[in-house]
């Protein structure tokens, strides 16, 4: 059952230059299309945030935050329950951040500060100690590594069936050559379309889709070995390597982190 979420803050009266919102979203929660006169960093824990702007779709695991500049229309969808924090940054503090929607890597320091603020349900830093804490957090946001999209999408007529198939079945073993034969084109042409439209190879896109699926399996208690086999690996080590590349921790460390939230 889907539920709708309405943002809490009045667009005409922000409570401060930097302020925070904290929520626990139920599965199937949506936010209708809206915008803010301030920039917003959306940070989650325990799931995947799906956010759409007018021209792009962003899938954000908890290792990344979604930066939405002021005035950008966006809507969100949470497939599963997750902890959510919005860091709202008013002009001119937001001017040093990108003027387009993108993903920013969440550093361990950012994660620790956000968790502290969420535990205390802090909206505005009023004490000197909290002001210093938020100042450190803002510096970390300014320095965060930028990514255009974690899992880019495309309406390209050749890529659309390939991406749709991997969305439905992340463990698909169908090769690019098999797709080329089915679509009456060449493997080289499809590879070029992947690079041009997605900014990455078919193999990289498929690995990222597997990573997102592995987060779902981990949250449901599936063992690391069983996940590796499900994803098509003959042993756990290649899967652990893939996971560490994107999560910067092992699957067991991620599971433990999620269990403690």
Protein backbone atom coordinates (compact mmCIF):
# COMPACT_ATOMS: atom_id res chain seq x y z
CA UNK A 1 0.00 0.00 0.00
CA UNK A 2 1.45 3.36 -1.04
CA UNK A 3 1.47 6.39 1.23
CA UNK A 4 2.22 10.01 0.45
CA UNK A 5 4.58 12.28 2.38
CA UNK A 6 4.23 16.06 2.53
CA UNK A 7 7.38 18.11 3.31
CA UNK A 8 7.23 19.81 6.72
CA UNK A 9 8.87 23.17 6.08
CA UNK A 10 7.25 26.33 4.74
CA UNK A 11 9.01 27.39 1.54
CA UNK A 12 8.48 31.04 2.43
CA UNK A 13 9.89 30.78 5.94
CA UNK A 14 12.96 28.51 6.32
CA UNK A 15 13.90 28.09 9.99
CA UNK A 16 17.61 28.76 9.42
CA UNK A 17 20.53 28.90 6.99
CA UNK A 18 21.01 25.15 7.54
CA UNK A 19 18.23 22.99 8.95
CA UNK A 20 17.42 19.29 9.03
CA UNK A 21 14.40 17.05 8.65
CA UNK A 22 14.29 13.48 9.99
CA UNK A 23 11.81 10.78 8.99
CA UNK A 24 11.33 7.03 8.99
CA UNK A 25 9.59 6.19 5.73
CA UNK A 26 7.36 3.14 5.34
CA UNK A 27 7.60 0.95 2.23
CA UNK A 28 5.87 2.47 -0.78
CA UNK A 29 6.04 6.08 0.44
CA UNK A 30 6.02 8.73 -2.27
CA UNK A 31 6.57 12.48 -2.30
CA UNK A 32 4.70 14.36 -4.99
CA UNK A 33 6.58 16.63 -7.36
CA UNK A 34 7.75 19.79 -5.60
CA UNK A 35 10.68 22.18 -5.27
CA UNK A 36 12.33 24.32 -2.58
CA UNK A 37 13.88 27.79 -2.58
CA UNK A 38 16.87 26.18 -0.85
CA UNK A 39 19.19 23.32 -1.79
CA UNK A 40 18.52 19.94 -0.23
CA UNK A 41 20.84 17.01 0.46
CA UNK A 42 18.82 13.81 0.91
CA UNK A 43 20.60 11.19 3.01
CA UNK A 44 19.21 7.73 3.78
CA UNK A 45 20.04 4.64 5.76
CA UNK A 46 18.78 1.11 5.29
CA UNK A 47 17.40 1.14 1.77
CA UNK A 48 17.48 2.79 -1.64
CA UNK A 49 16.04 6.19 -2.46
CA UNK A 50 14.54 6.64 -5.92
CA UNK A 51 14.35 10.28 -6.96
CA UNK A 52 13.19 11.71 -10.25
CA UNK A 53 13.71 15.15 -11.72
CA UNK A 54 12.29 16.32 -15.03
CA UNK A 55 14.96 14.59 -17.07
CA UNK A 56 16.73 12.06 -14.83
CA UNK A 57 16.13 9.19 -12.44
CA UNK A 58 18.46 8.64 -9.49
CA UNK A 59 18.80 5.42 -7.49
CA UNK A 60 20.73 6.19 -4.33
CA UNK A 61 21.98 3.55 -1.89
CA UNK A 62 22.98 4.75 1.56
CA UNK A 63 26.62 5.28 0.56
CA UNK A 64 25.47 8.26 -1.50
CA UNK A 65 23.31 11.31 -0.86
CA UNK A 66 21.21 13.06 -3.50
CA UNK A 67 21.87 16.77 -3.90
CA UNK A 68 18.89 18.72 -5.27
CA UNK A 69 19.59 22.42 -5.96
CA UNK A 70 17.10 25.17 -5.19
CA UNK A 71 14.18 25.40 -7.59
CA UNK A 72 14.57 21.91 -9.12
CA UNK A 73 11.27 20.01 -9.36
CA UNK A 74 11.65 16.49 -7.94
CA UNK A 75 9.67 13.57 -6.57
CA UNK A 76 10.79 10.57 -4.53
CA UNK A 77 9.77 6.97 -4.01
CA UNK A 78 10.83 4.61 -1.23
CA UNK A 79 10.29 0.97 -2.15
CA UNK A 80 11.21 -0.22 1.35
CA UNK A 81 11.40 1.20 4.85
CA UNK A 82 14.34 3.52 5.43
CA UNK A 83 15.66 6.23 7.72
CA UNK A 84 15.77 9.62 6.00
CA UNK A 85 17.46 12.92 6.73
CA UNK A 86 17.28 16.11 4.69
CA UNK A 87 20.03 18.68 5.09
CA UNK A 88 18.57 21.92 3.77
CA UNK A 89 21.08 24.60 2.77
CA UNK A 90 19.98 28.16 2.05
CA UNK A 91 21.67 30.66 -0.30
CA UNK A 92 24.51 31.68 -0.23
CA UNK A 93 25.86 28.62 1.59
CA UNK A 94 24.50 26.38 -1.19
CA UNK A 95 26.33 28.29 -3.92
CA UNK A 96 29.49 26.21 -3.52
CA UNK A 97 27.57 23.03 -4.37
CA UNK A 98 26.63 21.85 -7.89
CA UNK A 99 23.86 23.75 -9.68
CA UNK A 100 22.40 20.45 -10.94
CA UNK A 101 21.07 17.30 -9.29
CA UNK A 102 23.74 14.68 -8.58
CA UNK A 103 24.97 12.12 -6.07
CA UNK A 104 27.56 12.97 -3.42
CA UNK A 105 29.53 10.29 -1.60
CA UNK A 106 28.76 10.06 2.11
CA UNK A 107 32.01 10.01 4.11
CA UNK A 108 32.27 8.24 7.48
CA UNK A 109 32.38 11.65 9.19
CA UNK A 110 29.21 12.77 7.41
CA UNK A 111 27.47 9.54 8.35
CA UNK A 112 28.49 9.81 12.02
CA UNK A 113 27.30 13.42 12.33
CA UNK A 114 24.00 12.73 10.56
CA UNK A 115 23.36 9.73 12.82
CA UNK A 116 24.04 11.89 15.87
CA UNK A 117 21.66 14.60 14.66
CA UNK A 118 18.98 12.05 13.84
CA UNK A 119 19.22 10.37 17.24
CA UNK A 120 18.57 13.76 18.83
CA UNK A 121 16.02 14.79 16.18
CA UNK A 122 17.93 18.06 15.83
CA UNK A 123 16.44 20.50 13.32
CA UNK A 124 18.47 23.64 14.03
CA UNK A 125 21.97 23.92 15.56
CA UNK A 126 21.37 26.30 18.47
CA UNK A 127 24.29 25.59 20.80
CA UNK A 128 27.90 26.45 19.98
CA UNK A 129 28.78 22.76 20.07
CA UNK A 130 26.09 21.85 17.54
CA UNK A 131 27.00 24.81 15.34
CA UNK A 132 30.58 23.53 15.19
CA UNK A 133 29.30 20.04 14.40
CA UNK A 134 27.15 21.31 11.53
CA UNK A 135 30.07 23.42 10.28
CA UNK A 136 32.22 20.25 10.04
CA UNK A 137 29.36 18.48 8.26
CA UNK A 138 29.04 21.31 5.73
CA UNK A 139 32.79 21.20 5.04
CA UNK A 140 32.48 17.45 4.40
CA UNK A 141 29.58 18.07 2.00
CA UNK A 142 31.63 20.66 0.12
CA UNK A 143 34.48 18.15 -0.26
CA UNK A 144 32.30 15.13 -1.13
CA UNK A 145 33.09 13.30 -4.36
CA UNK A 146 30.45 13.88 -7.01
CA UNK A 147 28.75 11.25 -9.18
CA UNK A 148 26.27 11.99 -11.94
CA UNK A 149 24.13 8.91 -11.30
CA UNK A 150 24.71 5.55 -9.63
CA UNK A 151 22.47 3.63 -12.03
CA UNK A 152 21.71 5.79 -15.08
CA UNK A 153 18.67 5.17 -17.25
CA UNK A 154 18.00 5.73 -20.94
CA UNK A 155 15.07 5.83 -23.34
CA UNK A 156 17.32 4.69 -26.19
CA UNK A 157 15.28 2.18 -28.19
CA UNK A 158 18.13 -0.36 -28.26
CA UNK A 159 18.97 -0.09 -24.56
CA UNK A 160 15.41 0.09 -23.21
CA UNK A 161 14.68 -3.68 -23.39
CA UNK A 162 18.12 -4.54 -21.95
CA UNK A 163 17.75 -2.24 -18.95
CA UNK A 164 14.13 -3.30 -18.38
CA UNK A 165 15.20 -6.95 -18.35
CA UNK A 166 17.92 -6.28 -15.76
CA UNK A 167 15.49 -4.25 -13.65
CA UNK A 168 13.13 -7.22 -13.56
CA UNK A 169 15.84 -9.84 -13.23
CA UNK A 170 19.12 -8.53 -11.76
CA UNK A 171 20.68 -11.99 -12.01
CA UNK A 172 20.16 -12.24 -15.78
CA UNK A 173 23.14 -13.80 -17.56
CA UNK A 174 22.10 -12.67 -21.02
CA UNK A 175 25.18 -11.35 -22.82
CA UNK A 176 25.47 -8.28 -24.98
CA UNK A 177 26.07 -10.54 -27.99
CA UNK A 178 22.81 -12.40 -27.29
CA UNK A 179 21.00 -9.07 -27.05
CA UNK A 180 22.61 -7.93 -30.30
CA UNK A 181 21.35 -11.04 -32.09
CA UNK A 182 17.86 -10.52 -30.68
CA UNK A 183 17.79 -6.83 -31.61
CA UNK A 184 19.28 -7.44 -35.08
CA UNK A 185 22.33 -5.30 -34.50
CA UNK A 186 25.97 -5.85 -33.57
CA UNK A 187 27.59 -6.24 -30.18
CA UNK A 188 29.88 -3.33 -31.01
CA UNK A 189 26.91 -1.06 -31.74
CA UNK A 190 25.24 -1.94 -28.45
CA UNK A 191 28.49 -1.38 -26.56
CA UNK A 192 28.79 2.06 -28.12
CA UNK A 193 25.21 2.90 -27.15
CA UNK A 194 25.94 1.89 -23.54
CA UNK A 195 28.95 4.19 -23.35
CA UNK A 196 27.20 7.06 -25.11
CA UNK A 197 23.85 6.90 -23.29
CA UNK A 198 24.82 5.46 -19.89
CA UNK A 199 28.40 6.61 -19.52
CA UNK A 200 29.51 3.06 -18.69
CA UNK A 201 29.72 -0.42 -20.16
CA UNK A 202 26.93 -3.00 -20.08
CA UNK A 203 29.05 -5.04 -17.67
CA UNK A 204 29.44 -2.10 -15.25
CA UNK A 205 25.72 -1.32 -15.34
CA UNK A 206 24.86 -4.96 -14.69
CA UNK A 207 27.30 -5.13 -11.76
CA UNK A 208 25.78 -2.01 -10.21
CA UNK A 209 22.32 -3.52 -10.59
CA UNK A 210 23.58 -6.68 -8.86
CA UNK A 211 25.00 -4.56 -6.04
CA UNK A 212 21.63 -2.88 -5.47
CA UNK A 213 19.92 -6.27 -5.48
CA UNK A 214 22.46 -7.60 -2.98
CA UNK A 215 21.45 -4.83 -0.53
CA UNK A 216 17.89 -6.12 -0.69
CA UNK A 217 19.04 -9.70 -0.07
CA UNK A 218 21.28 -8.68 2.83
CA UNK A 219 18.41 -6.84 4.52
CA UNK A 220 16.36 -10.03 4.27
CA UNK A 221 18.94 -12.15 6.04
CA UNK A 222 20.34 -14.08 3.07
CA UNK A 223 23.89 -15.33 3.71
CA UNK A 224 26.82 -13.82 1.83
CA UNK A 225 27.61 -17.16 0.19
CA UNK A 226 24.02 -17.63 -0.96
CA UNK A 227 23.89 -14.07 -2.35
CA UNK A 228 27.10 -14.69 -4.28
CA UNK A 229 25.64 -17.85 -5.82
CA UNK A 230 22.35 -16.08 -6.60
CA UNK A 231 24.24 -13.34 -8.43
CA UNK A 232 26.07 -15.89 -10.56
CA UNK A 233 29.42 -16.11 -8.75
CA UNK A 234 30.96 -19.49 -8.02
CA UNK A 235 32.36 -18.29 -4.68
CA UNK A 236 31.89 -15.41 -2.25
CA UNK A 237 35.15 -13.52 -2.85
CA UNK A 238 34.24 -11.88 -6.24
CA UNK A 239 30.94 -10.71 -4.79
CA UNK A 240 32.68 -9.28 -1.71
CA UNK A 241 35.10 -7.42 -4.01
CA UNK A 242 32.17 -5.96 -5.98
CA UNK A 243 30.38 -4.98 -2.76
CA UNK A 244 33.42 -3.28 -1.23
CA UNK A 245 33.94 -1.28 -4.44
CA UNK A 246 30.56 0.42 -4.04
CA UNK A 247 29.84 0.23 -0.29
CA UNK A 248 33.40 0.71 1.03
CA UNK A 249 32.75 -2.09 3.52
CA UNK A 250 32.14 -5.84 3.41
CA UNK A 251 28.62 -7.32 3.15
CA UNK A 252 28.81 -8.51 6.77
CA UNK A 253 29.89 -5.04 7.94
CA UNK A 254 27.00 -3.49 6.01
CA UNK A 255 24.54 -5.98 7.53
CA UNK A 256 25.84 -5.24 11.03
CA UNK A 257 25.59 -1.49 10.43
CA UNK A 258 22.02 -1.85 9.21
CA UNK A 259 21.07 -4.10 12.16
CA UNK A 260 22.19 -1.42 14.61
CA UNK A 261 19.95 1.32 13.15
